[in-house]
């Protein structure tokens, strides 16, 4: 297992934790949605997060270590958006 794969895996764990924190916080925008929409939105977000992580890991294992940098940028943008939501700046 290469260093890029390990980094992407650890960043993937962070991204799932970020998503969970955003959904558990109870932002007013989410609270206005019906429960069915909230559930569907959470599942869709986790499924898309898994797909991004899966393909980043797949490309990294196949010899494209540059995707570790791309996934790190993705994680930073995701963390920035979560910070805006969690601090109620959005």
C-alpha atoms as a PDB file:
ATOM      1  CA  UNK A   1       0.000   0.000   0.000  1.00  0.00           C
ATOM      2  CA  UNK A   2       1.440   3.334  -1.041  1.00  0.00           C
ATOM      3  CA  UNK A   3       1.569   6.539   0.963  1.00  0.00           C
ATOM      4  CA  UNK A   4      -1.031   8.106  -1.362  1.00  0.00           C
ATOM      5  CA  UNK A   5      -3.526   5.347  -0.586  1.00  0.00           C
ATOM      6  CA  UNK A   6      -3.048   5.762   3.157  1.00  0.00           C
ATOM      7  CA  UNK A   7      -3.455   9.540   2.946  1.00  0.00           C
ATOM      8  CA  UNK A   8      -6.610   9.262   0.844  1.00  0.00           C
ATOM      9  CA  UNK A   9      -8.056   6.687   3.246  1.00  0.00           C
ATOM     10  CA  UNK A  10      -7.403   8.903   6.284  1.00  0.00           C
ATOM     11  CA  UNK A  11      -8.826  11.954   4.518  1.00  0.00           C
ATOM     12  CA  UNK A  12     -11.860   9.863   3.600  1.00  0.00           C
ATOM     13  CA  UNK A  13     -12.483   9.131   7.268  1.00  0.00           C
ATOM     14  CA  UNK A  14     -12.248  12.866   7.951  1.00  0.00           C
ATOM     15  CA  UNK A  15     -14.740  13.628   5.166  1.00  0.00           C
ATOM     16  CA  UNK A  16     -17.273  11.163   6.561  1.00  0.00           C
ATOM     17  CA  UNK A  17     -16.834  12.695  10.027  1.00  0.00           C
ATOM     18  CA  UNK A  18     -17.337  16.178   8.580  1.00  0.00           C
ATOM     19  CA  UNK A  19     -20.534  15.098   6.837  1.00  0.00           C
ATOM     20  CA  UNK A  20     -21.818  13.516  10.024  1.00  0.00           C
ATOM     21  CA  UNK A  21     -21.083  16.654  12.054  1.00  0.00           C
ATOM     22  CA  UNK A  22     -22.935  18.853   9.566  1.00  0.00           C
ATOM     23  CA  UNK A  23     -26.014  16.647   9.515  1.00  0.00           C
ATOM     24  CA  UNK A  24     -26.090  16.162  13.296  1.00  0.00           C
ATOM     25  CA  UNK A  25     -25.769  19.882  14.015  1.00  0.00           C
ATOM     26  CA  UNK A  26     -29.371  20.633  13.021  1.00  0.00           C
ATOM     27  CA  UNK A  27     -28.895  23.652  10.792  1.00  0.00           C
ATOM     28  CA  UNK A  28     -32.173  25.603  10.311  1.00  0.00           C
ATOM     29  CA  UNK A  29     -32.028  24.991   6.578  1.00  0.00           C
ATOM     30  CA  UNK A  30     -32.077  21.237   7.158  1.00  0.00           C
ATOM     31  CA  UNK A  31     -34.709  21.503   9.893  1.00  0.00           C
ATOM     32  CA  UNK A  32     -37.203  23.027   7.437  1.00  0.00           C
ATOM     33  CA  UNK A  33     -37.057  19.989   5.180  1.00  0.00           C
ATOM     34  CA  UNK A  34     -39.473  17.104   5.665  1.00  0.00           C
ATOM     35  CA  UNK A  35     -37.978  14.101   7.434  1.00  0.00           C
ATOM     36  CA  UNK A  36     -38.081  11.986   4.262  1.00  0.00           C
ATOM     37  CA  UNK A  37     -36.064  14.612   2.391  1.00  0.00           C
ATOM     38  CA  UNK A  38     -33.552  14.841   5.215  1.00  0.00           C
ATOM     39  CA  UNK A  39     -33.052  11.078   5.209  1.00  0.00           C
ATOM     40  CA  UNK A  40     -32.757  10.922   1.435  1.00  0.00           C
ATOM     41  CA  UNK A  41     -30.324  13.855   1.414  1.00  0.00           C
ATOM     42  CA  UNK A  42     -28.106  12.291   4.050  1.00  0.00           C
ATOM     43  CA  UNK A  43     -28.007   8.985   2.195  1.00  0.00           C
ATOM     44  CA  UNK A  44     -27.267  10.695  -1.116  1.00  0.00           C
ATOM     45  CA  UNK A  45     -24.473  12.734   0.479  1.00  0.00           C
ATOM     46  CA  UNK A  46     -22.900   9.644   2.028  1.00  0.00           C
ATOM     47  CA  UNK A  47     -23.238   7.676  -1.211  1.00  0.00           C
ATOM     48  CA  UNK A  48     -21.594  10.428  -3.247  1.00  0.00           C
ATOM     49  CA  UNK A  49     -18.859  10.796  -0.618  1.00  0.00           C
ATOM     50  CA  UNK A  50     -18.232   7.062  -0.816  1.00  0.00           C
ATOM     51  CA  UNK A  51     -18.088   7.189  -4.629  1.00  0.00           C
ATOM     52  CA  UNK A  52     -15.515  10.001  -4.591  1.00  0.00           C
ATOM     53  CA  UNK A  53     -13.438   8.159  -1.982  1.00  0.00           C
ATOM     54  CA  UNK A  54     -13.698   4.852  -3.853  1.00  0.00           C
ATOM     55  CA  UNK A  55     -12.529   6.293  -7.170  1.00  0.00           C
ATOM     56  CA  UNK A  56      -9.744   8.310  -5.550  1.00  0.00           C
ATOM     57  CA  UNK A  57      -8.490   5.141  -3.845  1.00  0.00           C
ATOM     58  CA  UNK A  58      -8.862   3.144  -7.041  1.00  0.00           C
ATOM     59  CA  UNK A  59      -6.849   5.648  -9.069  1.00  0.00           C
ATOM     60  CA  UNK A  60      -4.218   5.891  -6.357  1.00  0.00           C
ATOM     61  CA  UNK A  61      -3.772   2.120  -6.256  1.00  0.00           C
ATOM     62  CA  UNK A  62      -3.514   1.998 -10.052  1.00  0.00           C
ATOM     63  CA  UNK A  63      -0.466   4.265 -10.006  1.00  0.00           C
ATOM     64  CA  UNK A  64      -1.860   7.799  -9.949  1.00  0.00           C
ATOM     65  CA  UNK A  65      -0.509   9.180  -6.639  1.00  0.00           C
ATOM     66  CA  UNK A  66      -1.364  12.736  -7.705  1.00  0.00           C
ATOM     67  CA  UNK A  67      -4.943  12.036  -6.745  1.00  0.00           C
ATOM     68  CA  UNK A  68      -3.862  12.247  -3.109  1.00  0.00           C
ATOM     69  CA  UNK A  69      -3.271  15.970  -3.667  1.00  0.00           C
ATOM     70  CA  UNK A  70      -6.582  16.368  -5.476  1.00  0.00           C
ATOM     71  CA  UNK A  71      -8.412  14.549  -2.682  1.00  0.00           C
ATOM     72  CA  UNK A  72      -6.626  16.705  -0.097  1.00  0.00           C
ATOM     73  CA  UNK A  73      -7.889  19.835  -1.874  1.00  0.00           C
ATOM     74  CA  UNK A  74     -11.386  18.302  -1.992  1.00  0.00           C
ATOM     75  CA  UNK A  75     -11.187  17.634   1.749  1.00  0.00           C
ATOM     76  CA  UNK A  76     -10.057  21.207   2.445  1.00  0.00           C
ATOM     77  CA  UNK A  77     -12.982  22.626   0.452  1.00  0.00           C
ATOM     78  CA  UNK A  78     -15.349  20.231   2.211  1.00  0.00           C
ATOM     79  CA  UNK A  79     -13.970  21.286   5.608  1.00  0.00           C
ATOM     80  CA  UNK A  80     -14.327  24.961   4.690  1.00  0.00           C
ATOM     81  CA  UNK A  81     -17.952  24.481   3.679  1.00  0.00           C
ATOM     82  CA  UNK A  82     -18.629  22.538   6.880  1.00  0.00           C
ATOM     83  CA  UNK A  83     -17.038  25.301   8.943  1.00  0.00           C
ATOM     84  CA  UNK A  84     -19.314  27.855   7.290  1.00  0.00           C
ATOM     85  CA  UNK A  85     -22.373  25.713   8.010  1.00  0.00           C
ATOM     86  CA  UNK A  86     -21.407  24.769  11.573  1.00  0.00           C
ATOM     87  CA  UNK A  87     -20.579  28.344  12.585  1.00  0.00           C
ATOM     88  CA  UNK A  88     -23.860  29.482  10.990  1.00  0.00           C
ATOM     89  CA  UNK A  89     -22.176  31.873   8.596  1.00  0.00           C
ATOM     90  CA  UNK A  90     -24.328  30.432   5.834  1.00  0.00           C
END
